[in-house]
Amino acid sequence: MKAVLRKTIVPFAAALVICCGLCAVDADAAISNVEQRTQEQIVLYAQDHPTNLARYEESGKSLYGYKITYDEEPLLESPYEAGALSDAELVCALNTVKTIRYIAGISDEVYLSDNYNSLTQASSIVNYANGKLSHTPGMPAGMDYSLASEGITGAKNSNIAWTSWKNNSLKWTIIHGWMDDSDEGNLPVLGHRRWILNPSLGMTGFGSVTGESGTYNAMYIMDKSNPDDSYTGVAWPAANTPVSYFASTSPWSFSVGEEVADTDVVVSLLRARDSKIWTFSKYYSDGEFYVDNQNYGQKGCIIFRPEDIGGYEPGDHFYVVIYIGDEEYSYEVNFFNLDGYFAPAVPDKPTVSLNDMNKPAIEWKPVKNADKYTLYRKSRGGSWTILADDLDDCYYDDASAGKGIRYYYRVTASNIVSGTNYESDFSASTYRTVPLDKPSITSLKATAKKTNYVKWSSVSKATGYEVYRRPAGSTKWTKMKTTSNKYYKNTSAKSGVKYQYRVRAYRTYNGYKVYSSYSSYKSVKTK
């Protein structure tokens, strides 16, 4: 249904009682005609418009090895080739934009253009080659003129982004880059967000190039072919907004669709769970406040970011009242968990033991209504990867675990609804170290005056060995040598003294050491 936001002179306290979604009462003029989507409608829409399943750390890096796919791989050095994203990448990016626009209550009739895909892909390779993000890039040395020209055109007409890490997905860039727009340079205008939410956008395209210099992404936005462009009063966050689409640092925005004087605007924001109120205006603000009338999509964009908000949680409910002169516009915002809407409960922390093969055996308790489980693993100092998915049993033997490495494990439960996978949050993690084999001293001899010679067996995966010595009858061991060899010539022994020797192996992995047990000691009397 379309919810019509109207101007009214209802006092703020009263408005908190009578507001319903994007509806107001006692109205005499229509201001907003955005659609009001329910949470259930948004969930069903997301099921029909799937995006990639990558989950992200706070930094934006994928939690488990996401890799951008191409139909044609870009050539990242002279003479350069733009390459082409796979259909899967393009559809995921398009579905992300369509879902955002659907949530916002404007037309989701946005389609891919082969021409725009080519322009944005070319812009990504041009910026990658230059090593600089720019809407007006220069001609890269060694690049074909036609490719560079296409890239320069694409960059001028696109949202563009760079991240320092490889394989940053377009989905992350759209939601947490362009729609967030919270950095110092973009916050006062929210240009990237407003282009994505521009009602007249009908065709778009996407490009992405990734390599050792990071990831350059692009989305074509200078299109006005959507006939359903009459929406005004576009809000973000919208009436029902997934928490995964709006970060604690994200600014709020409301586009009136016509020029607005910043001196005329006062905004009140109330959080229902604790009745905390933030007020914003040019003269006093409980946070950031801007009004921008430039042609980034719709004019008259009112921007406010509450200080000390502390984040948004599923179930959070907010009331917004915007005064523009003697007019008042009111609406409500509800946050909910889209990604976990039908997800099972979070599994308990798994337990890890060593099986008969000295490999980690991971177990966890079943979760009610879970269809399957996904097991994640990382080595100490490493990154999380999926070790196994589509698991029916609550048990897994990690046969691929390497000796001398500490591994961490965590698990999620999933439920399949209408073909969509709803994954729980991660369980707490637990760890187990796969032990190195213990070395054995194979030979210990007094070979010359004050000299003892010790040899030991090789240990698989060992980086090196430590040799310890003590006088017989002593309890204190002294480390004599760290070596990658499997022998040690001790020339500092005292003649006539009986010594005991032992050895342990170690492995260095991701900058961390894991030690084996000590070998049994052997004794020798020094010549």
Protein backbone atom coordinates (compact mmCIF):
# COMPACT_ATOMS: atom_id res chain seq x y z
CA MET A 1 0.00 0.00 0.00
CA LYS A 2 1.09 3.59 -0.46
CA ALA A 3 1.46 5.52 2.77
CA VAL A 4 0.88 9.23 2.26
CA LEU A 5 2.81 11.53 4.56
CA ARG A 6 1.06 14.82 5.02
CA LYS A 7 1.82 18.09 6.65
CA THR A 8 0.11 18.74 9.95
CA ILE A 9 0.38 21.03 12.94
CA VAL A 10 -0.11 18.28 15.53
CA PRO A 11 2.19 18.91 18.51
CA PHE A 12 5.15 16.55 18.89
CA ALA A 13 3.85 14.74 21.99
CA ALA A 14 0.54 14.07 20.31
CA ALA A 15 2.21 12.98 17.10
CA LEU A 16 3.98 10.23 19.00
CA VAL A 17 0.62 8.75 19.86
CA ILE A 18 -1.22 9.07 16.57
CA CYS A 19 1.52 8.40 13.98
CA CYS A 20 1.22 5.14 12.08
CA GLY A 21 4.15 4.23 9.86
CA LEU A 22 4.48 6.99 7.31
CA CYS A 23 0.96 8.22 7.97
CA ALA A 24 -0.08 11.40 9.73
CA VAL A 25 -3.49 12.77 10.63
CA ASP A 26 -5.36 16.03 10.34
CA ALA A 27 -3.59 16.49 7.02
CA ASP A 28 -4.36 19.04 4.35
CA ALA A 29 -1.62 18.46 1.74
CA ALA A 30 0.21 15.37 0.51
CA ILE A 31 3.99 15.42 0.94
CA SER A 32 5.18 11.82 0.57
CA ASN A 33 3.82 8.97 -1.50
CA VAL A 34 6.39 6.29 -0.77
CA GLU A 35 5.18 2.73 -0.30
CA GLN A 36 5.15 1.42 3.25
CA ARG A 37 6.65 -2.07 3.22
CA THR A 38 5.99 -4.43 6.10
CA GLN A 39 8.74 -6.59 7.52
CA GLU A 40 7.09 -9.69 6.09
CA GLN A 41 6.93 -8.11 2.63
CA ILE A 42 10.61 -7.20 2.81
CA VAL A 43 11.54 -10.74 3.89
CA LEU A 44 9.57 -12.25 1.00
CA TYR A 45 11.09 -9.75 -1.42
CA ALA A 46 14.59 -10.63 -0.26
CA GLN A 47 13.82 -14.31 -0.78
CA ASP A 48 12.86 -13.58 -4.38
CA HIS A 49 15.89 -11.32 -4.94
CA PRO A 50 18.86 -13.12 -3.35
CA THR A 51 22.19 -11.46 -2.86
CA ASN A 52 25.48 -13.20 -2.08
CA LEU A 53 25.81 -14.98 1.26
CA ALA A 54 29.07 -13.34 2.34
CA ARG A 55 29.15 -12.15 5.94
CA TYR A 56 31.50 -9.41 7.02
CA GLU A 57 33.77 -8.35 9.81
CA GLU A 58 33.32 -4.80 11.13
CA SER A 59 36.24 -3.80 8.89
CA GLY A 60 34.29 -4.96 5.85
CA LYS A 61 36.47 -7.94 5.02
CA SER A 62 34.62 -11.13 4.27
CA LEU A 63 34.38 -13.51 7.20
CA TYR A 64 35.17 -16.46 5.02
CA GLY A 65 37.03 -16.22 1.75
CA TYR A 66 34.53 -14.51 -0.57
CA LYS A 67 35.91 -14.20 -4.11
CA ILE A 68 34.62 -11.98 -6.90
CA THR A 69 33.79 -14.01 -10.01
CA TYR A 70 34.25 -12.97 -13.64
CA ASP A 71 33.16 -14.17 -17.04
CA GLU A 72 36.37 -12.57 -18.29
CA GLU A 73 39.23 -11.91 -15.87
CA PRO A 74 40.62 -8.35 -15.92
CA LEU A 75 44.25 -7.88 -16.97
CA LEU A 76 45.80 -5.74 -14.24
CA GLU A 77 48.95 -4.68 -16.06
CA SER A 78 49.79 -3.12 -19.42
CA PRO A 79 48.20 -3.38 -21.93
CA TYR A 80 45.23 -3.89 -19.49
CA GLU A 81 41.87 -5.49 -20.14
CA ALA A 82 38.68 -4.53 -18.31
CA GLY A 83 37.29 -8.04 -18.05
CA ALA A 84 33.62 -8.69 -17.29
CA LEU A 85 31.85 -9.62 -14.08
CA SER A 86 29.92 -12.87 -13.96
CA ASP A 87 26.15 -12.77 -14.25
CA ALA A 88 25.99 -13.94 -10.62
CA GLU A 89 27.97 -10.91 -9.40
CA LEU A 90 25.89 -8.50 -11.47
CA VAL A 91 22.57 -9.96 -10.33
CA CYS A 92 23.63 -9.94 -6.67
CA ALA A 93 24.58 -6.27 -6.94
CA LEU A 94 21.37 -5.38 -8.78
CA ASN A 95 19.27 -7.29 -6.23
CA THR A 96 20.97 -5.38 -3.42
CA VAL A 97 19.97 -2.07 -5.01
CA LYS A 98 16.46 -3.31 -5.77
CA THR A 99 16.01 -4.51 -2.19
CA ILE A 100 17.17 -1.15 -0.79
CA ARG A 101 14.75 0.72 -3.02
CA TYR A 102 11.94 -1.68 -2.14
CA ILE A 103 12.61 -1.13 1.57
CA ALA A 104 12.60 2.63 0.99
CA GLY A 105 9.18 2.35 -0.68
CA ILE A 106 10.15 3.61 -4.13
CA SER A 107 10.18 1.87 -7.51
CA ASP A 108 12.34 -1.25 -7.63
CA GLU A 109 11.98 -1.44 -11.42
CA VAL A 110 15.71 -1.04 -12.05
CA TYR A 111 17.50 -3.12 -14.68
CA LEU A 112 21.00 -3.90 -15.89
CA SER A 113 22.37 -2.23 -19.00
CA ASP A 114 25.16 -3.95 -20.92
CA ASN A 115 26.49 -0.53 -21.89
CA TYR A 116 26.52 0.67 -18.27
CA ASN A 117 28.17 -2.57 -17.16
CA SER A 118 30.94 -1.96 -19.71
CA LEU A 119 31.40 1.66 -18.63
CA THR A 120 31.61 0.86 -14.92
CA GLN A 121 33.93 -2.12 -15.46
CA ALA A 122 36.18 0.10 -17.57
CA SER A 123 36.12 2.81 -14.89
CA SER A 124 37.22 0.25 -12.30
CA ILE A 125 40.23 -0.89 -14.34
CA VAL A 126 41.20 2.74 -15.09
CA ASN A 127 41.15 3.69 -11.41
CA TYR A 128 42.96 0.46 -10.51
CA ALA A 129 45.67 1.17 -13.09
CA ASN A 130 46.10 4.72 -11.80
CA GLY A 131 46.10 3.53 -8.18
CA LYS A 132 43.75 6.38 -7.32
CA LEU A 133 39.99 6.73 -6.89
CA SER A 134 38.73 9.56 -9.09
CA HIS A 135 35.62 10.65 -10.98
CA THR A 136 37.97 12.40 -13.43
CA PRO A 137 40.84 9.92 -13.83
CA GLY A 138 43.78 10.50 -16.10
CA MET A 139 44.80 8.25 -18.98
CA PRO A 140 46.78 5.29 -17.53
CA ALA A 141 50.15 4.69 -19.13
CA GLY A 142 50.13 1.66 -21.41
CA MET A 143 46.32 1.43 -21.69
CA ASP A 144 44.46 1.35 -24.98
CA TYR A 145 42.86 4.73 -25.73
CA SER A 146 39.36 3.35 -26.31
CA LEU A 147 39.37 1.42 -23.02
CA ALA A 148 40.71 4.41 -21.10
CA SER A 149 38.15 6.73 -22.73
CA GLU A 150 35.33 4.36 -21.80
CA GLY A 151 36.63 4.17 -18.24
CA ILE A 152 36.88 7.94 -17.90
CA THR A 153 33.27 8.27 -19.07
CA GLY A 154 32.16 5.57 -16.65
CA ALA A 155 33.92 7.13 -13.68
CA LYS A 156 32.27 10.49 -14.34
CA ASN A 157 28.80 8.95 -14.26
CA SER A 158 29.11 6.45 -11.43
CA ASN A 159 29.31 5.92 -7.72
CA ILE A 160 32.87 4.69 -7.20
CA ALA A 161 34.66 3.15 -4.24
CA TRP A 162 38.02 1.72 -3.20
CA THR A 163 38.93 -0.58 -0.33
CA SER A 164 42.43 -1.68 0.55
CA TRP A 165 41.56 -5.38 0.67
CA LYS A 166 40.94 -7.83 -2.16
CA ASN A 167 37.55 -9.27 -3.11
CA ASN A 168 35.37 -6.64 -1.50
CA SER A 169 31.90 -7.41 -2.83
CA LEU A 170 29.62 -4.93 -4.50
CA LYS A 171 26.95 -5.82 -1.93
CA TRP A 172 29.18 -4.59 0.91
CA THR A 173 30.11 -1.46 -1.03
CA ILE A 174 26.47 -0.64 -1.80
CA ILE A 175 25.21 -1.10 1.76
CA HIS A 176 28.19 -0.12 3.90
CA GLY A 177 29.90 2.28 1.52
CA TRP A 178 27.52 4.24 -0.68
CA MET A 179 24.32 3.91 1.37
CA ASP A 180 26.24 4.62 4.58
CA ASP A 181 28.10 7.67 3.20
CA SER A 182 29.13 8.61 6.75
CA ASP A 183 32.71 9.70 6.11
CA GLU A 184 33.58 13.34 6.63
CA GLY A 185 33.56 14.26 2.95
CA ASN A 186 30.23 12.64 2.07
CA LEU A 187 28.20 13.15 5.24
CA PRO A 188 27.02 16.73 4.48
CA VAL A 189 25.46 15.70 1.12
CA LEU A 190 24.97 11.88 1.07
CA GLY A 191 25.40 11.99 -2.69
CA HIS A 192 26.00 8.27 -3.19
CA ARG A 193 22.94 7.30 -1.14
CA ARG A 194 20.72 9.83 -2.90
CA TRP A 195 21.70 8.54 -6.34
CA ILE A 196 20.79 4.97 -5.31
CA LEU A 197 17.47 6.26 -3.90
CA ASN A 198 16.80 8.54 -6.87
CA PRO A 199 13.23 7.65 -7.97
CA SER A 200 14.07 8.24 -11.65
CA LEU A 201 16.86 5.62 -11.75
CA GLY A 202 15.74 2.91 -14.19
CA MET A 203 18.92 1.37 -15.61
CA THR A 204 22.29 0.76 -14.01
CA GLY A 205 25.49 -1.24 -14.34
CA PHE A 206 28.29 -2.46 -12.10
CA GLY A 207 32.03 -2.94 -12.31
CA SER A 208 34.65 -4.39 -10.01
CA VAL A 209 38.38 -4.94 -10.26
CA THR A 210 40.37 -6.52 -7.46
CA GLY A 211 44.02 -7.34 -6.92
CA GLU A 212 47.01 -6.62 -4.72
CA SER A 213 46.13 -2.91 -4.80
CA GLY A 214 42.71 -3.54 -3.29
CA THR A 215 39.24 -3.45 -4.83
CA TYR A 216 37.77 -0.74 -7.06
CA ASN A 217 33.96 -0.90 -7.42
CA ALA A 218 31.56 1.20 -9.47
CA MET A 219 27.81 1.62 -10.03
CA TYR A 220 26.35 3.66 -12.90
CA ILE A 221 23.90 6.22 -11.51
CA MET A 222 23.40 8.93 -14.17
CA ASP A 223 20.22 7.40 -15.56
CA LYS A 224 16.73 8.88 -15.43
CA SER A 225 14.70 6.38 -17.42
CA ASN A 226 12.33 5.22 -14.66
CA PRO A 227 8.83 6.48 -15.45
CA ASP A 228 7.70 5.85 -11.87
CA ASP A 229 9.66 8.85 -10.59
CA SER A 230 7.02 10.82 -8.72
CA TYR A 231 8.07 9.73 -5.23
CA THR A 232 8.87 12.43 -2.71
CA GLY A 233 9.73 12.31 0.98
CA VAL A 234 12.14 9.38 0.65
CA ALA A 235 13.50 8.35 4.06
CA TRP A 236 16.49 6.23 5.03
CA PRO A 237 16.18 4.35 7.27
CA ALA A 238 12.68 3.57 6.07
CA ALA A 239 9.56 2.48 7.93
CA ASN A 240 10.95 -1.06 8.34
CA THR A 241 14.71 -1.38 7.93
CA PRO A 242 17.03 -4.37 8.46
CA VAL A 243 19.69 -3.72 11.08
CA SER A 244 22.28 -5.17 8.69
CA TYR A 245 21.54 -2.32 6.27
CA PHE A 246 22.13 0.52 8.73
CA ALA A 247 25.23 0.93 10.90
CA SER A 248 25.52 2.79 14.21
CA THR A 249 27.50 5.52 12.41
CA SER A 250 25.03 5.89 9.53
CA PRO A 251 23.22 9.22 9.16
CA TRP A 252 19.46 9.48 8.78
CA SER A 253 18.06 11.25 5.74
CA PHE A 254 14.74 12.56 4.46
CA SER A 255 14.46 13.99 0.94
CA VAL A 256 11.59 16.41 0.47
CA GLY A 257 12.02 16.65 -3.30
CA GLU A 258 12.29 20.44 -3.45
CA GLU A 259 14.66 23.05 -2.08
CA VAL A 260 14.54 23.59 1.68
CA ALA A 261 16.20 26.35 3.71
CA ASP A 262 18.30 24.92 6.54
CA THR A 263 17.14 27.77 8.80
CA ASP A 264 13.56 26.47 8.54
CA VAL A 265 14.26 22.89 9.63
CA VAL A 266 14.01 21.33 13.09
CA VAL A 267 14.11 17.55 13.56
CA SER A 268 13.08 15.55 16.63
CA LEU A 269 14.01 11.87 16.97
CA LEU A 270 12.64 9.73 19.80
CA ARG A 271 13.69 6.17 20.65
CA ALA A 272 10.78 4.23 22.11
CA ARG A 273 12.67 1.79 24.35
CA ASP A 274 14.12 4.51 26.60
CA SER A 275 12.20 7.63 25.47
CA LYS A 276 15.48 9.34 24.61
CA ILE A 277 15.06 12.36 22.33
CA TRP A 278 17.55 13.99 19.95
CA THR A 279 16.92 17.42 18.45
CA PHE A 280 18.58 18.79 15.29
CA SER A 281 18.66 22.24 13.73
CA LYS A 282 21.11 24.73 12.30
CA TYR A 283 21.31 26.45 15.68
CA TYR A 284 21.43 23.47 18.02
CA SER A 285 21.93 19.75 17.37
CA ASP A 286 22.37 16.56 19.36
CA GLY A 287 24.67 15.35 16.61
CA GLU A 288 25.40 16.15 12.97
CA PHE A 289 22.85 18.15 10.97
CA TYR A 290 22.84 19.28 7.33
CA VAL A 291 20.40 20.31 4.61
CA ASP A 292 21.55 19.89 1.01
CA ASN A 293 19.82 21.17 -2.13
CA GLN A 294 22.29 20.00 -4.76
CA ASN A 295 21.20 17.75 -7.62
CA TYR A 296 22.24 14.42 -6.11
CA GLY A 297 19.01 12.64 -7.00
CA GLN A 298 16.33 14.54 -5.11
CA LYS A 299 16.82 18.04 -3.73
CA GLY A 300 15.95 19.12 -0.22
CA CYS A 301 17.77 16.34 1.61
CA ILE A 302 17.62 16.70 5.40
CA ILE A 303 20.51 14.85 7.06
CA PHE A 304 20.90 14.13 10.76
CA ARG A 305 23.09 11.75 12.73
CA PRO A 306 22.34 11.33 16.47
CA GLU A 307 25.29 11.36 18.83
CA ASP A 308 25.74 8.56 21.38
CA ILE A 309 23.13 6.42 19.66
CA GLY A 310 24.92 3.23 20.72
CA GLY A 311 23.77 1.24 17.71
CA TYR A 312 20.49 -0.17 16.45
CA GLU A 313 18.93 -3.44 17.56
CA PRO A 314 16.16 -5.63 16.16
CA GLY A 315 12.92 -4.38 17.69
CA ASP A 316 14.14 -0.78 18.06
CA HIS A 317 11.35 1.66 17.30
CA PHE A 318 11.86 5.35 16.53
CA TYR A 319 9.56 8.31 15.98
CA VAL A 320 10.70 11.10 13.67
CA VAL A 321 9.12 14.55 13.44
CA ILE A 322 10.52 17.05 10.95
CA TYR A 323 9.42 20.69 11.13
CA ILE A 324 9.94 22.83 8.03
CA GLY A 325 8.70 26.27 8.89
CA ASP A 326 5.14 25.84 10.12
CA GLU A 327 4.78 22.38 8.55
CA GLU A 328 5.35 19.11 10.37
CA TYR A 329 6.17 15.74 8.82
CA SER A 330 6.13 12.64 11.02
CA TYR A 331 6.92 8.98 10.48
CA GLU A 332 8.14 5.90 12.34
CA VAL A 333 11.09 3.56 11.83
CA ASN A 334 11.31 -0.04 12.99
CA PHE A 335 14.53 -2.06 12.86
CA PHE A 336 14.44 -5.81 12.38
CA ASN A 337 16.66 -8.78 11.60
CA LEU A 338 16.26 -9.59 7.90
CA ASP A 339 19.17 -12.02 7.57
CA GLY A 340 18.06 -14.03 10.58
CA TYR A 341 14.30 -13.54 10.27
CA PHE A 342 13.63 -17.30 10.26
CA ALA A 343 16.99 -18.33 11.68
CA PRO A 344 17.26 -20.89 14.49
CA ALA A 345 18.77 -20.07 17.86
CA VAL A 346 22.53 -19.62 18.16
CA PRO A 347 24.22 -22.95 18.91
CA ASP A 348 26.06 -23.47 22.18
CA LYS A 349 29.84 -23.32 22.09
CA PRO A 350 31.17 -26.53 20.52
CA THR A 351 33.59 -28.86 22.28
CA VAL A 352 36.80 -30.10 20.69
CA SER A 353 38.78 -33.22 21.51
CA LEU A 354 41.46 -35.16 19.67
CA ASN A 355 40.36 -38.35 17.94
CA ASP A 356 42.36 -41.55 17.48
CA MET A 357 44.27 -39.92 14.60
CA ASN A 358 45.25 -36.94 16.77
CA LYS A 359 42.92 -34.73 14.74
CA PRO A 360 40.33 -32.33 16.19
CA ALA A 361 36.87 -33.82 16.67
CA ILE A 362 34.24 -31.06 17.02
CA GLU A 363 30.84 -31.63 18.59
CA TRP A 364 27.89 -29.39 19.43
CA LYS A 365 24.36 -29.73 20.72
CA PRO A 366 21.45 -29.90 18.27
CA VAL A 367 19.43 -26.70 17.77
CA LYS A 368 15.66 -26.84 17.57
CA ASN A 369 14.25 -26.35 14.04
CA ALA A 370 17.72 -26.26 12.44
CA ASP A 371 17.91 -27.83 8.97
CA LYS A 372 21.70 -27.84 8.81
CA TYR A 373 24.88 -26.51 10.36
CA THR A 374 27.96 -24.70 9.10
CA LEU A 375 31.33 -25.16 10.79
CA TYR A 376 33.89 -22.38 10.63
CA ARG A 377 37.61 -22.66 11.35
CA LYS A 378 40.60 -20.38 11.59
CA SER A 379 44.17 -20.95 12.59
CA ARG A 380 45.70 -18.78 15.26
CA GLY A 381 46.57 -15.47 13.58
CA GLY A 382 44.53 -16.39 10.49
CA SER A 383 41.05 -15.64 9.13
CA TRP A 384 37.82 -17.56 9.40
CA THR A 385 36.91 -19.93 6.59
CA ILE A 386 34.08 -22.40 6.10
CA LEU A 387 35.40 -25.82 7.06
CA ALA A 388 32.17 -27.69 6.29
CA ASP A 389 28.61 -26.73 5.45
CA ASP A 390 25.32 -28.53 4.88
CA LEU A 391 26.09 -30.65 7.94
CA ASP A 392 23.24 -32.80 9.20
CA ASP A 393 25.12 -34.25 12.17
CA CYS A 394 26.43 -32.27 15.13
CA TYR A 395 29.88 -33.81 14.82
CA TYR A 396 32.84 -33.32 12.52
CA ASP A 397 36.35 -34.79 12.32
CA ASP A 398 38.80 -32.19 11.01
CA ALA A 399 40.99 -34.49 8.95
CA SER A 400 42.64 -31.54 7.19
CA ALA A 401 44.05 -30.02 10.40
CA GLY A 402 47.83 -29.68 10.27
CA LYS A 403 50.20 -30.67 13.02
CA GLY A 404 51.56 -27.95 15.24
CA ILE A 405 48.74 -25.46 14.61
CA ARG A 406 46.15 -24.06 17.02
CA TYR A 407 42.71 -24.06 15.42
CA TYR A 408 39.60 -22.16 16.50
CA TYR A 409 36.11 -23.43 15.70
CA ARG A 410 32.61 -21.96 15.77
CA VAL A 411 29.30 -23.10 14.33
CA THR A 412 26.03 -21.67 13.00
CA ALA A 413 22.62 -23.26 12.57
CA SER A 414 20.47 -22.63 9.50
CA ASN A 415 16.87 -22.96 8.43
CA ILE A 416 15.75 -23.09 4.80
CA VAL A 417 12.56 -21.15 4.06
CA SER A 418 11.31 -20.75 0.49
CA GLY A 419 14.77 -21.65 -0.78
CA THR A 420 16.50 -18.96 1.29
CA ASN A 421 19.10 -19.89 3.88
CA TYR A 422 18.57 -18.13 7.24
CA GLU A 423 21.73 -18.53 9.27
CA SER A 424 22.01 -17.93 13.00
CA ASP A 425 24.70 -15.81 14.56
CA PHE A 426 27.99 -17.51 15.35
CA SER A 427 28.39 -19.63 18.43
CA ALA A 428 31.18 -18.77 20.83
CA SER A 429 34.47 -20.16 19.56
CA THR A 430 36.67 -22.82 21.08
CA TYR A 431 40.12 -24.04 20.14
CA ARG A 432 42.41 -27.03 20.08
CA THR A 433 46.08 -27.37 19.18
CA VAL A 434 47.06 -30.30 17.00
CA PRO A 435 50.24 -31.58 18.65
CA LEU A 436 53.53 -32.10 16.89
CA ASP A 437 55.04 -35.51 17.17
CA LYS A 438 57.60 -35.88 19.90
CA PRO A 439 61.21 -36.26 18.67
CA SER A 440 63.38 -39.13 19.84
CA ILE A 441 67.10 -38.92 20.55
CA THR A 442 68.68 -41.49 18.25
CA SER A 443 72.30 -40.99 19.24
CA LEU A 444 74.25 -39.35 22.05
CA LYS A 445 78.04 -39.68 22.20
CA ALA A 446 81.04 -38.04 23.80
CA THR A 447 83.07 -37.56 20.63
CA ALA A 448 86.03 -35.53 21.88
CA LYS A 449 87.31 -33.68 24.90
CA LYS A 450 84.55 -31.36 26.25
CA THR A 451 82.40 -32.32 23.29
CA ASN A 452 79.12 -34.25 23.16
CA TYR A 453 77.22 -34.97 19.98
CA VAL A 454 73.44 -35.53 19.99
CA LYS A 455 71.16 -36.57 17.09
CA TRP A 456 67.37 -36.95 17.00
CA SER A 457 64.58 -38.08 14.72
CA SER A 458 62.86 -35.77 12.24
CA VAL A 459 59.41 -34.43 13.15
CA SER A 460 56.90 -33.82 10.37
CA LYS A 461 55.98 -30.12 9.87
CA ALA A 462 58.57 -28.96 12.42
CA THR A 463 60.11 -25.55 11.79
CA GLY A 464 62.99 -26.24 14.17
CA TYR A 465 64.17 -27.86 17.37
CA GLU A 466 65.35 -26.79 20.81
CA VAL A 467 68.09 -28.72 22.63
CA TYR A 468 68.24 -28.71 26.45
CA ARG A 469 70.97 -29.93 28.81
CA ARG A 470 71.40 -30.45 32.54
CA PRO A 471 74.05 -32.07 34.75
CA ALA A 472 72.91 -35.47 35.99
CA GLY A 473 71.20 -35.08 39.36
CA SER A 474 70.13 -31.48 38.64
CA THR A 475 66.51 -30.44 38.16
CA LYS A 476 67.25 -27.34 36.07
CA TRP A 477 67.35 -27.64 32.30
CA THR A 478 69.25 -25.07 30.20
CA LYS A 479 68.41 -24.39 26.57
CA MET A 480 71.61 -24.88 24.61
CA LYS A 481 70.57 -24.45 21.00
CA THR A 482 67.69 -23.61 18.65
CA THR A 483 68.33 -25.14 15.25
CA SER A 484 66.66 -26.39 12.10
CA ASN A 485 69.15 -29.28 11.98
CA LYS A 486 68.55 -32.66 13.55
CA TYR A 487 71.85 -32.75 15.39
CA TYR A 488 73.83 -30.61 17.83
CA LYS A 489 77.50 -30.55 18.68
CA ASN A 490 77.93 -29.36 22.28
CA THR A 491 81.53 -28.13 22.69
CA SER A 492 81.06 -26.36 26.03
CA ALA A 493 80.66 -29.45 28.23
CA LYS A 494 82.98 -29.97 31.20
CA SER A 495 85.25 -32.98 31.09
CA GLY A 496 84.23 -35.80 33.41
CA VAL A 497 80.72 -34.44 33.98
CA LYS A 498 77.72 -36.59 33.16
CA TYR A 499 75.04 -34.68 31.25
CA GLN A 500 71.49 -35.38 30.27
CA TYR A 501 70.02 -34.08 26.97
CA ARG A 502 66.49 -33.73 25.67
CA VAL A 503 64.92 -32.15 22.56
CA ARG A 504 61.58 -30.67 21.58
CA ALA A 505 60.29 -29.63 18.16
CA TYR A 506 58.35 -26.48 17.32
CA ARG A 507 56.37 -25.14 14.39
CA THR A 508 55.94 -21.45 13.53
CA TYR A 509 52.66 -20.66 11.78
CA ASN A 510 51.20 -17.17 11.25
CA GLY A 511 53.87 -15.86 13.61
CA TYR A 512 52.94 -18.18 16.48
CA LYS A 513 54.94 -21.12 17.85
CA VAL A 514 53.57 -24.48 18.88
CA TYR A 515 55.86 -26.91 20.70
CA SER A 516 55.93 -30.68 20.85
CA SER A 517 56.44 -32.57 24.07
CA TYR A 518 60.03 -33.10 25.19
CA SER A 519 61.80 -36.23 24.09
CA SER A 520 62.90 -38.71 26.71
CA TYR A 521 66.31 -37.68 27.95
CA LYS A 522 69.53 -39.57 27.44
CA SER A 523 72.80 -39.33 29.39
CA VAL A 524 76.44 -39.23 28.47
CA LYS A 525 79.69 -38.67 30.37
CA THR A 526 81.88 -36.03 28.77
CA LYS A 527 85.47 -36.91 27.89
